[in-house]
Protein backbone atom coordinates (compact mmCIF):
# COMPACT_ATOMS: atom_id res chain seq x y z
CA MET A 1 67.56 130.24 112.81
CA GLY A 2 64.28 128.46 111.82
CA THR A 3 61.43 127.74 114.08
CA GLN A 4 61.17 123.97 114.47
CA LEU A 5 58.45 122.30 112.47
CA LEU A 6 57.73 118.72 113.21
CA SER A 7 56.80 116.29 110.37
CA GLY A 8 54.36 114.50 112.59
CA THR A 9 52.25 117.61 113.01
CA ALA A 10 52.35 118.20 109.23
CA ILE A 11 51.22 114.48 108.62
CA ASP A 12 48.36 114.91 111.11
CA ALA A 13 47.27 118.22 109.38
CA ALA A 14 47.20 116.34 106.04
CA VAL A 15 45.30 113.39 107.34
CA GLU A 16 42.63 115.75 109.03
CA ARG A 17 42.08 117.23 105.56
CA ALA A 18 41.37 113.69 104.39
CA ASP A 19 44.57 113.81 102.27
CA ALA A 20 47.62 111.50 102.68
CA ALA A 21 50.64 113.62 103.52
CA LEU A 22 53.18 113.98 100.73
CA ILE A 23 56.89 113.77 101.44
CA GLY A 24 59.54 114.74 98.92
CA TYR A 25 63.11 113.72 98.87
CA ILE A 26 65.64 116.14 97.56
CA PRO A 27 69.41 115.52 97.76
CA VAL A 28 71.00 118.66 99.39
CA GLY A 29 73.68 120.14 97.12
CA PHE A 30 72.02 118.84 93.75
CA PRO A 31 72.48 120.30 91.31
CA THR A 32 73.89 123.10 93.68
CA VAL A 33 72.97 123.95 97.37
CA ASP A 34 70.92 126.96 96.19
CA LEU A 35 68.94 125.04 93.56
CA SER A 36 68.26 122.23 96.09
CA ILE A 37 66.71 124.84 98.30
CA CYS A 38 64.71 126.27 95.36
CA ALA A 39 63.52 122.72 94.64
CA GLY A 40 62.34 122.33 98.29
CA LYS A 41 60.38 125.58 97.97
CA VAL A 42 58.79 124.39 94.58
CA LEU A 43 57.65 121.18 96.38
CA ALA A 44 56.20 123.35 99.22
CA ASP A 45 54.36 125.59 96.79
CA CYS A 46 52.87 122.49 94.95
CA GLY A 47 51.44 121.13 98.16
CA PHE A 48 53.98 118.85 99.65
CA ASP A 49 53.64 118.54 103.32
CA VAL A 50 57.16 117.54 104.34
CA ILE A 51 60.65 117.84 102.78
CA GLU A 52 63.21 115.01 103.29
CA LEU A 53 66.68 116.26 102.57
CA GLY A 54 69.24 113.62 101.64
CA PHE A 55 72.72 114.18 102.76
CA PRO A 56 75.15 112.99 100.17
CA TYR A 57 77.22 110.04 101.14
CA SER A 58 80.06 108.21 99.32
CA ASP A 59 78.70 104.71 99.70
CA PRO A 60 74.88 105.03 99.44
CA ALA A 61 73.88 101.33 99.92
CA MET A 62 70.12 102.07 99.64
CA ASP A 63 70.20 104.42 96.68
CA GLY A 64 69.21 103.64 92.98
CA PRO A 65 71.07 105.10 90.05
CA VAL A 66 69.17 108.37 89.87
CA ILE A 67 69.90 109.30 93.57
CA GLN A 68 73.41 107.91 93.45
CA HIS A 69 74.11 110.08 90.53
CA ALA A 70 72.75 113.23 92.17
CA THR A 71 74.65 112.60 95.49
CA SER A 72 77.79 111.97 93.51
CA VAL A 73 77.36 115.47 92.00
CA ALA A 74 76.73 116.99 95.30
CA LEU A 75 79.76 115.33 96.77
CA GLU A 76 81.93 116.52 93.99
CA ARG A 77 80.86 120.00 94.52
CA GLY A 78 81.83 119.98 97.93
CA THR A 79 78.44 119.72 99.87
CA HIS A 80 79.05 119.49 103.59
CA LEU A 81 77.04 119.33 106.78
CA GLU A 82 76.84 123.30 107.18
CA ASP A 83 75.13 123.23 103.81
CA LEU A 84 72.58 120.83 105.23
CA PHE A 85 71.88 123.09 108.14
CA HIS A 86 71.66 126.06 105.92
CA ALA A 87 69.00 124.36 103.62
CA VAL A 88 67.07 123.12 106.56
CA ASP A 89 66.93 126.62 108.03
CA GLU A 90 65.80 128.20 104.69
CA LEU A 91 62.98 125.61 104.10
CA THR A 92 61.62 125.58 107.70
CA SER A 93 61.66 129.41 107.49
CA TYR A 94 59.68 129.03 104.36
CA GLY A 95 57.06 127.15 106.38
CA ILE A 96 57.52 123.47 105.52
CA ALA A 97 58.66 120.71 107.98
CA THR A 98 62.11 119.39 107.00
CA LEU A 99 63.87 116.27 107.99
CA SER A 100 67.01 114.75 106.72
CA MET A 101 67.73 111.25 105.53
CA THR A 102 71.35 110.52 106.16
CA TYR A 103 73.66 107.61 106.64
CA TRP A 104 75.10 107.47 110.14
CA ASN A 105 78.81 108.08 109.55
CA PRO A 106 78.60 111.96 108.93
CA VAL A 107 76.56 112.31 112.17
CA GLU A 108 79.05 110.44 114.09
CA TRP A 109 81.98 112.34 112.52
CA TYR A 110 80.40 115.66 113.43
CA GLY A 111 79.37 114.50 116.97
CA VAL A 112 75.99 113.15 117.81
CA GLU A 113 75.03 115.78 120.42
CA ARG A 114 76.52 118.68 118.56
CA PHE A 115 74.69 117.46 115.30
CA ALA A 116 71.43 117.27 117.29
CA ALA A 117 71.66 120.68 118.72
CA ASP A 118 72.66 122.31 115.33
CA PHE A 119 69.94 120.69 113.41
CA ALA A 120 67.31 121.66 116.00
CA ALA A 121 68.56 125.22 115.97
CA ALA A 122 68.13 125.22 112.30
CA GLY A 123 64.39 124.27 112.87
CA GLY A 124 64.91 120.66 111.57
CA ALA A 125 62.23 118.02 112.46
CA GLY A 126 64.56 115.04 112.80
CA LEU A 127 66.47 112.23 111.02
CA ILE A 128 65.65 109.23 109.02
CA THR A 129 68.52 106.87 109.48
CA PRO A 130 68.54 103.98 107.07
CA ASP A 131 71.65 102.37 108.30
CA LEU A 132 71.14 102.88 112.01
CA PRO A 133 68.98 100.32 113.65
CA PRO A 134 67.19 101.00 116.92
CA GLU A 135 69.57 98.38 118.69
CA GLU A 136 72.56 100.71 117.90
CA GLY A 137 70.65 104.04 118.37
CA ALA A 138 71.07 104.81 122.09
CA GLU A 139 73.35 107.71 121.67
CA TRP A 140 71.08 109.22 118.96
CA GLU A 141 67.91 108.57 120.97
CA ALA A 142 69.37 110.37 123.95
CA ALA A 143 70.53 113.41 121.76
CA SER A 144 67.21 113.61 119.72
CA ASP A 145 65.14 113.44 123.00
CA LEU A 146 67.26 116.28 124.55
CA HIS A 147 66.70 118.44 121.46
CA GLY A 148 63.01 117.39 120.61
CA LEU A 149 63.95 115.76 117.35
CA GLU A 150 62.03 113.02 115.51
CA ARG A 151 63.53 109.57 114.92
CA VAL A 152 62.36 107.71 111.96
CA TYR A 153 63.41 104.12 111.67
CA LEU A 154 62.61 101.84 108.49
CA THR A 155 60.62 98.69 108.29
CA ALA A 156 60.51 96.31 105.25
CA PRO A 157 58.06 93.63 104.16
CA SER A 158 60.27 90.93 105.61
CA SER A 159 60.25 92.53 109.07
CA PRO A 160 58.92 90.04 111.73
CA GLN A 161 56.27 91.31 114.23
CA HIS A 162 58.78 91.52 117.15
CA ARG A 163 61.01 93.80 115.04
CA LEU A 164 58.15 95.95 114.02
CA ARG A 165 57.37 96.48 117.87
CA LEU A 166 60.96 97.44 118.54
CA ILE A 167 60.88 100.02 115.64
CA ALA A 168 57.55 101.39 116.66
CA GLU A 169 58.65 101.75 120.27
CA HIS A 170 61.91 103.57 119.35
CA SER A 171 60.63 105.85 116.61
CA ARG A 172 59.48 109.28 117.21
CA GLY A 173 57.34 111.12 114.68
CA TRP A 174 56.59 108.24 112.26
CA VAL A 175 57.71 104.97 110.81
CA TYR A 176 59.06 104.64 107.23
CA ALA A 177 57.65 101.60 105.50
CA ALA A 178 59.96 100.55 102.70
CA SER A 179 57.80 99.10 99.98
CA SER A 180 60.44 96.50 98.98
CA MET A 181 63.92 95.18 99.96
CA GLY A 182 65.72 96.73 97.08
CA VAL A 183 67.35 100.19 96.39
CA THR A 184 65.46 103.34 95.75
CA GLY A 185 63.99 104.05 92.29
CA GLU A 186 60.87 104.50 90.36
CA ARG A 187 58.70 101.36 89.79
CA SER A 188 55.70 100.43 87.58
CA SER A 189 53.89 99.08 90.61
CA VAL A 190 54.65 99.52 94.41
CA GLY A 191 53.92 95.82 95.36
CA LEU A 192 51.06 93.85 97.12
CA GLN A 193 53.07 93.52 100.37
CA VAL A 194 52.86 97.21 101.22
CA GLN A 195 49.38 97.47 102.53
CA PRO A 196 49.86 94.42 104.96
CA LEU A 197 53.16 96.06 105.98
CA VAL A 198 51.55 99.27 106.85
CA GLU A 199 48.78 97.43 108.73
CA ARG A 200 51.25 95.18 110.77
CA THR A 201 53.46 98.22 111.57
CA ARG A 202 50.27 100.03 112.93
CA GLN A 203 49.45 96.86 114.86
CA ALA A 204 52.91 96.98 116.43
CA GLY A 205 52.16 100.35 117.96
CA ALA A 206 53.28 103.01 115.29
CA GLN A 207 51.26 106.09 115.43
CA ARG A 208 52.01 107.20 111.88
CA VAL A 209 53.27 105.15 108.86
CA CYS A 210 54.48 106.50 105.64
CA VAL A 211 55.42 104.60 102.58
CA GLY A 212 58.37 105.14 100.28
CA LEU A 213 60.70 103.35 97.56
CA GLY A 214 59.35 103.38 94.18
CA VAL A 215 56.43 105.88 94.11
CA SER A 216 56.57 107.70 90.79
CA SER A 217 53.02 108.62 89.70
CA ALA A 218 49.79 110.22 91.00
CA MET A 219 48.01 106.86 90.72
CA GLN A 220 50.53 105.13 92.84
CA ALA A 221 50.52 107.93 95.34
CA ARG A 222 46.67 107.88 95.53
CA GLU A 223 46.57 104.05 95.95
CA ILE A 224 49.12 104.22 98.81
CA GLY A 225 47.39 107.29 100.28
CA THR A 226 44.11 105.22 100.87
CA TYR A 227 45.84 103.24 103.59
CA ALA A 228 49.13 104.92 104.75
CA ASP A 229 49.47 108.23 106.55
CA GLY A 230 52.07 109.62 104.08
CA VAL A 231 53.58 108.89 100.67
CA ILE A 232 57.40 109.51 100.20
CA VAL A 233 58.67 110.32 96.61
CA GLY A 234 62.38 110.58 95.67
CA SER A 235 63.73 109.44 92.37
CA ALA A 236 60.80 110.86 90.24
CA LEU A 237 61.62 114.33 91.67
CA VAL A 238 65.39 114.01 91.38
CA ARG A 239 65.06 112.80 87.90
CA ALA A 240 63.15 116.06 87.14
CA LEU A 241 66.14 118.00 88.48
CA CYS A 242 68.59 116.27 86.17
CA GLU A 243 67.77 118.50 83.23
CA VAL A 244 70.91 120.64 82.31
CA ASP A 245 68.97 123.92 82.10
CA GLN A 246 68.18 125.00 85.61
CA GLY A 247 65.02 126.89 84.75
CA ARG A 248 63.63 123.90 82.82
CA ALA A 249 64.60 121.52 85.61
CA LEU A 250 62.51 123.58 88.16
CA ARG A 251 59.67 123.81 85.72
CA HIS A 252 59.73 119.97 85.21
CA LEU A 253 59.96 119.40 88.91
CA LYS A 254 56.80 121.71 89.32
CA ASP A 255 54.86 119.60 86.89
CA VAL A 256 55.86 116.26 88.44
CA ALA A 257 55.17 117.65 91.92
CA SER A 258 51.76 119.03 91.09
CA ASP A 259 50.75 115.71 89.56
CA LEU A 260 51.75 113.77 92.62
CA ALA A 261 49.91 116.29 94.80
CA SER A 262 46.79 115.74 92.92
CA GLY A 263 47.13 112.05 93.73
CA VAL A 264 47.11 112.29 97.51
CA ARG A 265 44.28 114.94 97.58
CA GLY A 266 41.17 113.46 99.20
CA ALA A 267 42.87 109.95 99.22
CA ARG A 268 41.78 109.29 102.81
CA ARG A 269 38.21 110.03 102.25
């Protein structure tokens, strides 16, 4: 099984290089399990620092149309948690820190402590849990502490300061600053409220803050990278994988990924 690689360590290494860390979201099982693993390796080769494997869910409340389509395909093809553990093992063995973004139901169904043990054994860094707030996370926090896993909770521009303090206190690894209140998807601009959110989250005690939801271009990645520790990209990568021809899809992904990597390079200087 993979040696555990923590995303916080990868983010720190990027910041030390004067880059912002680049975090790429790929739904495991889209277009197939093997191709999602290949896609993660393409991102690693292009200079991404962390992979975020989305586990497909039947009611993805936070996801926009591109990711909803991809997760529907993955579900139809029978993607299950063992595929997630396999993908994590493959990518950590390849040398890139890998988390999973998952809704809470699959973890609860599998068994929280069992999930934490198996995920850590595969080398996984930890979980991003969009529908599990810290107030309801006691069982997960105990299991993640036991197995050395990161806990990434989400903040939003509307989060009051007391809530940011709660999230910063309970997160382990980094905090996910959602650039807007809406669903995932590419946007022409990421929003003026994002930098103040990052600053408020840091003031609340967060060690590392990464920004996601809507990043789709090198210019946006660079802008965010000047003030955030990491930049999270999802829909723009998944859209590249929607090409019918698999070889063309991976080539398109490489072009998009290389462009985004050029955006974060030197952004922290």
